[in-house]
Amino acid sequence: MSWNGQPARLLVLDPGPAKLKERDRKYVKNLETSLQVWTAPDGTPLESLFQMKLSGRAMLVISFEQSAIDKLVYARQGDRLVVASREKVESGSGGGEKGETTTSYTLQLLR
């Protein structure tokens, strides 16, 4: 297996059930999370991808859905591991409304 042309290993992890506040638990009917981590042969993280989807209903007539994707790409800077870039995509719908937000960050390393 490879990641961006270099040898890599893909770890698929189950983050387990998300912690919801007690008042939110009665509205959320379905919640799925996943975490994937690409690592170099020496175990150094290259990229991680966290995904979350939830859906539910409030007051019997208002249904809603939300999703989030958080992708981080790592790089070595000397003897440190840094987050070189991050992209976060959040979307949701409910009550007749719909929206999506994408936020991207890129670290420029200065030598």
Protein backbone atom coordinates (compact mmCIF):
# COMPACT_ATOMS: atom_id res chain seq x y z
CA MET A 1 0.00 0.00 0.00
CA SER A 2 1.20 3.53 -0.62
CA TRP A 3 0.32 7.09 0.36
CA ASN A 4 1.21 9.82 -2.16
CA GLY A 5 3.67 7.46 -3.83
CA GLN A 6 5.53 6.40 -0.69
CA PRO A 7 5.17 3.10 1.18
CA ALA A 8 2.58 3.36 3.93
CA ARG A 9 0.23 1.43 6.16
CA LEU A 10 -3.44 2.29 6.69
CA LEU A 11 -4.83 1.90 10.20
CA VAL A 12 -8.63 1.93 10.50
CA LEU A 13 -9.66 2.70 14.06
CA ASP A 14 -12.98 2.78 15.85
CA PRO A 15 -13.03 5.86 18.09
CA GLY A 16 -15.95 4.36 19.99
CA PRO A 17 -19.17 6.08 20.88
CA ALA A 18 -18.99 9.84 21.03
CA LYS A 19 -19.76 11.53 24.31
CA LEU A 20 -23.04 13.39 23.99
CA LYS A 21 -24.57 15.63 26.59
CA GLU A 22 -27.57 14.03 28.25
CA ARG A 23 -29.99 16.57 26.77
CA ASP A 24 -28.65 15.84 23.25
CA ARG A 25 -28.96 12.04 23.59
CA LYS A 26 -32.74 12.13 23.41
CA TYR A 27 -32.64 13.83 19.97
CA VAL A 28 -29.76 11.97 18.28
CA LYS A 29 -30.96 8.67 16.80
CA ASN A 30 -27.90 7.65 14.77
CA LEU A 31 -24.22 8.50 15.30
CA GLU A 32 -21.30 7.06 13.33
CA THR A 33 -17.61 7.90 13.70
CA SER A 34 -14.46 6.58 12.04
CA LEU A 35 -10.75 7.34 12.12
CA GLN A 36 -8.17 6.40 9.50
CA VAL A 37 -4.45 6.98 9.98
CA TRP A 38 -1.81 6.52 7.28
CA THR A 39 1.64 5.75 8.72
CA ALA A 40 5.12 5.49 7.24
CA PRO A 41 6.97 2.14 7.59
CA ASP A 42 8.65 3.49 10.77
CA GLY A 43 5.23 4.28 12.32
CA THR A 44 5.33 8.04 11.79
CA PRO A 45 1.86 9.44 11.04
CA LEU A 46 1.46 10.82 7.51
CA GLU A 47 -2.26 11.67 7.42
CA SER A 48 -5.34 11.20 9.56
CA LEU A 49 -8.99 11.38 8.57
CA PHE A 50 -11.78 11.62 11.15
CA GLN A 51 -15.39 11.33 9.95
CA MET A 52 -18.62 11.81 11.89
CA LYS A 53 -22.24 11.55 10.79
CA LEU A 54 -25.29 11.98 12.96
CA SER A 55 -29.00 12.27 12.46
CA GLY A 56 -32.00 12.70 14.66
CA ARG A 57 -35.31 14.31 15.26
CA ALA A 58 -36.58 17.05 17.56
CA MET A 59 -40.20 17.58 18.54
CA LEU A 60 -41.40 14.74 16.24
CA VAL A 61 -41.50 16.95 13.14
CA ILE A 62 -38.02 18.44 12.75
CA SER A 63 -35.41 16.00 11.50
CA PHE A 64 -31.76 16.94 11.17
CA GLU A 65 -28.46 15.60 9.85
CA GLN A 66 -24.89 16.71 10.50
CA SER A 67 -21.55 15.52 9.22
CA ALA A 68 -17.93 16.49 9.75
CA ILE A 69 -14.68 15.46 8.09
CA ASP A 70 -11.35 16.50 9.59
CA LYS A 71 -8.23 15.69 7.53
CA LEU A 72 -4.73 16.38 8.85
CA VAL A 73 -1.49 15.92 6.91
CA TYR A 74 1.68 15.63 8.99
CA ALA A 75 5.29 16.52 8.16
CA ARG A 76 8.65 16.24 9.86
CA GLN A 77 10.45 19.45 10.72
CA GLY A 78 13.82 18.49 12.11
CA ASP A 79 13.08 16.11 14.98
CA ARG A 80 9.48 17.33 15.34
CA LEU A 81 6.22 16.16 13.85
CA VAL A 82 3.96 19.05 12.79
CA VAL A 83 0.56 19.37 11.17
CA ALA A 84 1.39 20.66 7.69
CA SER A 85 -2.22 21.10 6.60
CA ARG A 86 -5.74 20.70 7.91
CA GLU A 87 -9.03 20.64 6.06
CA LYS A 88 -12.31 20.56 7.93
CA VAL A 89 -15.66 20.16 6.17
CA GLU A 90 -18.86 20.50 8.20
CA SER A 91 -22.37 20.24 6.83
CA GLY A 92 -25.84 20.07 8.23
CA SER A 93 -29.49 20.25 7.41
CA GLY A 94 -32.68 20.49 9.38
CA GLY A 95 -35.74 22.63 9.86
CA GLY A 96 -35.74 23.61 6.19
CA GLU A 97 -32.17 24.90 6.33
CA LYS A 98 -29.02 23.48 4.77
CA GLY A 99 -25.39 24.55 4.89
CA GLU A 100 -21.77 23.54 4.46
CA THR A 101 -18.52 25.09 5.64
CA THR A 102 -15.00 24.20 4.53
CA THR A 103 -11.98 25.50 6.43
CA SER A 104 -8.41 24.90 5.25
CA TYR A 105 -5.11 25.67 6.97
CA THR A 106 -1.62 25.24 5.53
CA LEU A 107 1.57 25.61 7.55
CA GLN A 108 4.45 27.28 5.76
CA LEU A 109 7.68 26.19 7.37
CA LEU A 110 10.40 28.83 7.60
CA ARG A 111 13.96 27.61 7.83
